Amino acid sequence: MTKIMQKKRVRTQNAIIKAATYLFRKQGFEGTSMESIAERAEIAAGTLYNYYGSKPILLIAIFGDLTQNLTAIAPKRSEGEMTRDVALADVTSILQIVTRATILFPKAIMRQIFAQLFVLDAHLVAELVAMDMQIVAMLLPILGDMQAAGMLTIDADIEAAALLLFGSAMIQHQTYISLEEMSEEQLNDGIAAQTKMILFGLLRR
């Protein structure tokens, strides 16, 4: 594939993702057709199907694009000495930013999308898991620095800890989407509280 063809392909993919995101937000996942996405992206329906064979596949592409952007812009570890306060702030900020950013649509539409995620083919589920692992990997340098500073035991499994932190944030994420009355502030507070509990525990020392 030539550079010109590659650039054209990327432009088309970006146009499709932008069109689908707009229509999903405006009309809902279930209320949006592939044909309407093609029309908004100003391409033929056949071209759209050549790129993305179904709405679920397109949905995975939208989240994949988001994941790439997040890994590029999410905050890194703070400079200077690693302390409990620094560690807590760094981990919490990453989880809060990632969680808020993945709420692309109004809650009612996000619930439609969540329903779709439970019936995805296995290979699409694997793609979603791979995206999650990219976000989990963002926590590893911070946990590694905590371990080096003696804040975590030398034999602590920091990969398991990162998965636990991410999973906890995702539970808050799902609760937020499920409850119309839950505010973004409550979401952030819940993530902060659970992160502190996981990192520093409940036992009195």
Protein backbone atom coordinates (compact mmCIF):
# COMPACT_ATOMS: atom_id res chain seq x y z
CA MET A 1 0.00 0.00 0.00
CA THR A 2 1.43 3.38 -1.02
CA LYS A 3 1.70 6.29 1.40
CA ILE A 4 -1.05 8.13 -0.49
CA MET A 5 -3.38 5.14 -0.23
CA GLN A 6 -2.55 4.71 3.44
CA LYS A 7 -3.31 8.37 4.17
CA LYS A 8 -6.61 8.07 2.31
CA ARG A 9 -7.50 4.98 4.31
CA VAL A 10 -6.73 6.71 7.60
CA ARG A 11 -8.82 9.74 6.57
CA THR A 12 -11.74 7.47 5.71
CA GLN A 13 -11.44 5.59 9.00
CA ASN A 14 -11.36 8.85 10.94
CA ALA A 15 -14.40 10.15 9.05
CA ILE A 16 -16.32 6.95 9.82
CA ILE A 17 -15.43 7.00 13.53
CA LYS A 18 -16.35 10.68 13.80
CA ALA A 19 -19.67 10.12 12.01
CA ALA A 20 -20.56 7.06 14.08
CA THR A 21 -19.69 8.77 17.37
CA TYR A 22 -21.87 11.74 16.46
CA LEU A 23 -24.84 9.61 15.41
CA PHE A 24 -24.60 7.22 18.36
CA ARG A 25 -24.65 10.24 20.67
CA LYS A 26 -27.58 11.86 18.86
CA GLN A 27 -29.74 8.87 17.92
CA GLY A 28 -28.52 6.08 20.20
CA PHE A 29 -26.68 2.92 19.25
CA GLU A 30 -29.85 1.02 18.40
CA GLY A 31 -31.36 3.94 16.49
CA THR A 32 -28.38 4.42 14.20
CA SER A 33 -28.06 2.47 10.96
CA MET A 34 -24.90 1.65 9.06
CA GLU A 35 -26.40 3.48 6.08
CA SER A 36 -26.83 6.70 8.07
CA ILE A 37 -23.22 6.46 9.25
CA ALA A 38 -22.04 6.07 5.65
CA GLU A 39 -24.13 9.04 4.57
CA ARG A 40 -22.73 11.29 7.29
CA ALA A 41 -19.18 10.14 6.54
CA GLU A 42 -19.86 10.91 2.86
CA ILE A 43 -18.93 7.46 1.63
CA ALA A 44 -20.85 4.62 0.00
CA ALA A 45 -22.46 2.05 2.28
CA GLY A 46 -20.39 -0.64 0.60
CA THR A 47 -17.22 1.23 1.48
CA LEU A 48 -18.29 1.41 5.12
CA TYR A 49 -18.88 -2.34 5.24
CA ASN A 50 -15.43 -2.90 3.72
CA TYR A 51 -13.92 -1.05 6.67
CA TYR A 52 -16.27 -2.16 9.44
CA GLY A 53 -18.62 -5.06 8.89
CA SER A 54 -21.13 -4.21 11.63
CA LYS A 55 -22.00 -1.65 14.29
CA PRO A 56 -20.37 -3.71 17.07
CA ILE A 57 -17.12 -3.84 15.10
CA LEU A 58 -17.35 -0.10 14.58
CA LEU A 59 -17.98 0.36 18.29
CA ILE A 60 -14.75 -1.48 19.06
CA ALA A 61 -12.94 0.82 16.63
CA ILE A 62 -14.31 3.88 18.44
CA PHE A 63 -13.06 2.61 21.79
CA GLY A 64 -9.74 1.63 20.20
CA ASP A 65 -9.28 5.16 18.89
CA LEU A 66 -10.15 6.52 22.34
CA THR A 67 -7.65 4.18 24.03
CA GLN A 68 -4.84 5.36 21.77
CA ASN A 69 -5.64 8.97 22.59
CA LEU A 70 -5.80 8.26 26.32
CA THR A 71 -2.45 6.49 26.46
CA ALA A 72 -0.93 9.51 24.73
CA ILE A 73 -2.42 12.25 26.92
CA ALA A 74 -2.99 10.67 30.34
CA PRO A 75 -0.84 12.11 33.15
CA LYS A 76 2.44 10.43 33.94
CA ARG A 77 4.07 9.90 37.31
CA SER A 78 4.78 13.10 39.21
CA GLU A 79 8.38 14.25 39.43
CA GLY A 80 10.25 14.14 42.71
CA GLU A 81 10.14 11.90 45.76
CA MET A 82 7.58 9.11 45.83
CA THR A 83 5.31 9.51 48.85
CA ARG A 84 1.94 8.07 49.81
CA ASP A 85 0.21 11.29 48.82
CA VAL A 86 1.98 11.44 45.45
CA ALA A 87 1.22 7.79 44.70
CA LEU A 88 -2.42 8.16 45.63
CA ALA A 89 -2.82 11.34 43.57
CA ASP A 90 -1.09 9.88 40.51
CA VAL A 91 -3.02 6.60 40.44
CA THR A 92 -6.34 8.29 41.22
CA SER A 93 -5.92 10.92 38.51
CA ILE A 94 -5.22 8.31 35.84
CA LEU A 95 -8.23 6.22 36.83
CA GLN A 96 -10.53 9.25 37.03
CA ILE A 97 -9.45 10.64 33.65
CA VAL A 98 -9.72 7.27 31.92
CA THR A 99 -13.12 6.55 33.47
CA ARG A 100 -14.59 9.94 32.56
CA ALA A 101 -13.17 9.81 29.04
CA THR A 102 -14.79 6.46 28.28
CA ILE A 103 -18.24 7.92 28.96
CA LEU A 104 -18.62 9.02 25.36
CA PHE A 105 -22.40 9.22 25.32
CA PRO A 106 -25.35 10.06 27.59
CA LYS A 107 -26.04 7.41 30.22
CA ALA A 108 -29.07 5.96 28.42
CA ILE A 109 -27.02 5.38 25.28
CA MET A 110 -24.08 3.99 27.26
CA ARG A 111 -26.48 1.42 28.71
CA GLN A 112 -27.42 0.38 25.16
CA ILE A 113 -23.73 0.03 24.36
CA PHE A 114 -23.01 -1.99 27.50
CA ALA A 115 -25.77 -4.40 26.49
CA GLN A 116 -24.00 -4.91 23.16
CA LEU A 117 -20.69 -5.67 24.86
CA PHE A 118 -22.18 -8.76 26.51
CA VAL A 119 -23.05 -10.37 23.17
CA LEU A 120 -19.84 -9.64 21.24
CA ASP A 121 -17.98 -12.38 19.43
CA ALA A 122 -14.97 -13.77 21.27
CA HIS A 123 -12.41 -12.05 19.02
CA LEU A 124 -14.04 -8.65 19.66
CA VAL A 125 -14.02 -9.29 23.40
CA ALA A 126 -10.31 -10.06 23.10
CA GLU A 127 -9.78 -6.69 21.42
CA LEU A 128 -11.58 -4.92 24.27
CA VAL A 129 -9.48 -6.78 26.85
CA ALA A 130 -6.32 -5.74 25.00
CA MET A 131 -7.44 -2.10 25.21
CA ASP A 132 -8.08 -2.46 28.93
CA MET A 133 -4.60 -3.89 29.39
CA GLN A 134 -3.08 -0.82 27.72
CA ILE A 135 -4.74 1.30 30.38
CA VAL A 136 -3.70 -1.08 33.17
CA ALA A 137 -0.11 -0.75 31.92
CA MET A 138 -0.25 2.99 32.59
CA LEU A 139 -0.41 2.23 36.32
CA LEU A 140 2.61 -0.08 36.41
CA PRO A 141 5.38 2.59 36.50
CA ILE A 142 3.76 4.25 39.52
CA LEU A 143 3.32 0.96 41.36
CA GLY A 144 6.88 0.01 40.45
CA ASP A 145 8.19 3.25 41.94
CA MET A 146 6.12 2.62 45.07
CA GLN A 147 7.69 -0.81 45.36
CA ALA A 148 11.19 0.60 44.86
CA ALA A 149 10.51 3.18 47.58
CA GLY A 150 9.55 0.45 50.03
CA MET A 151 5.87 1.42 50.06
CA LEU A 152 4.89 -1.99 48.68
CA THR A 153 6.41 -5.30 49.70
CA ILE A 154 9.17 -6.55 47.43
CA ASP A 155 7.13 -9.62 46.50
CA ALA A 156 3.92 -7.67 45.77
CA ASP A 157 2.47 -8.53 42.36
CA ILE A 158 2.12 -5.05 40.90
CA GLU A 159 0.39 -6.34 37.75
CA ALA A 160 -2.31 -7.92 39.90
CA ALA A 161 -2.53 -4.69 41.89
CA ALA A 162 -2.96 -2.66 38.69
CA LEU A 163 -5.73 -4.99 37.52
CA LEU A 164 -7.47 -4.67 40.89
CA LEU A 165 -7.29 -0.87 40.77
CA PHE A 166 -8.60 -0.76 37.21
CA GLY A 167 -11.37 -3.25 37.95
CA SER A 168 -12.48 -1.24 40.96
CA ALA A 169 -12.68 1.94 38.87
CA MET A 170 -14.69 0.12 36.21
CA ILE A 171 -17.23 -1.00 38.83
CA GLN A 172 -17.69 2.66 39.78
CA HIS A 173 -17.95 3.46 36.07
CA GLN A 174 -20.74 0.91 35.56
CA THR A 175 -22.57 2.09 38.67
CA TYR A 176 -22.42 5.68 37.42
CA ILE A 177 -23.89 4.70 34.07
CA SER A 178 -26.61 2.57 35.68
CA LEU A 179 -27.80 5.27 38.09
CA GLU A 180 -29.13 8.45 36.50
CA GLU A 181 -28.94 10.29 39.82
CA MET A 182 -25.23 9.56 40.38
CA SER A 183 -23.10 12.63 39.59
CA GLU A 184 -19.64 12.83 38.08
CA GLU A 185 -18.40 14.19 41.41
CA GLN A 186 -19.71 11.07 43.15
CA LEU A 187 -17.99 8.93 40.52
CA ASN A 188 -14.66 10.67 41.18
CA ASP A 189 -15.10 10.42 44.95
CA GLY A 190 -15.86 6.71 44.69
CA ILE A 191 -12.76 6.04 42.60
CA ALA A 192 -10.59 8.05 45.00
CA ALA A 193 -11.92 6.22 48.07
CA GLN A 194 -11.49 2.75 46.57
CA THR A 195 -8.02 3.56 45.24
CA LYS A 196 -6.90 4.66 48.71
CA MET A 197 -8.36 1.52 50.25
CA ILE A 198 -6.64 -0.79 47.75
CA LEU A 199 -3.26 0.95 47.97
CA PHE A 200 -3.08 1.40 51.73
CA GLY A 201 -5.58 -1.07 53.15
CA LEU A 202 -7.92 -1.12 56.10
CA LEU A 203 -5.62 -2.50 58.78
CA ARG A 204 -4.37 -0.15 61.45
CA ARG A 205 -0.56 -0.08 61.39
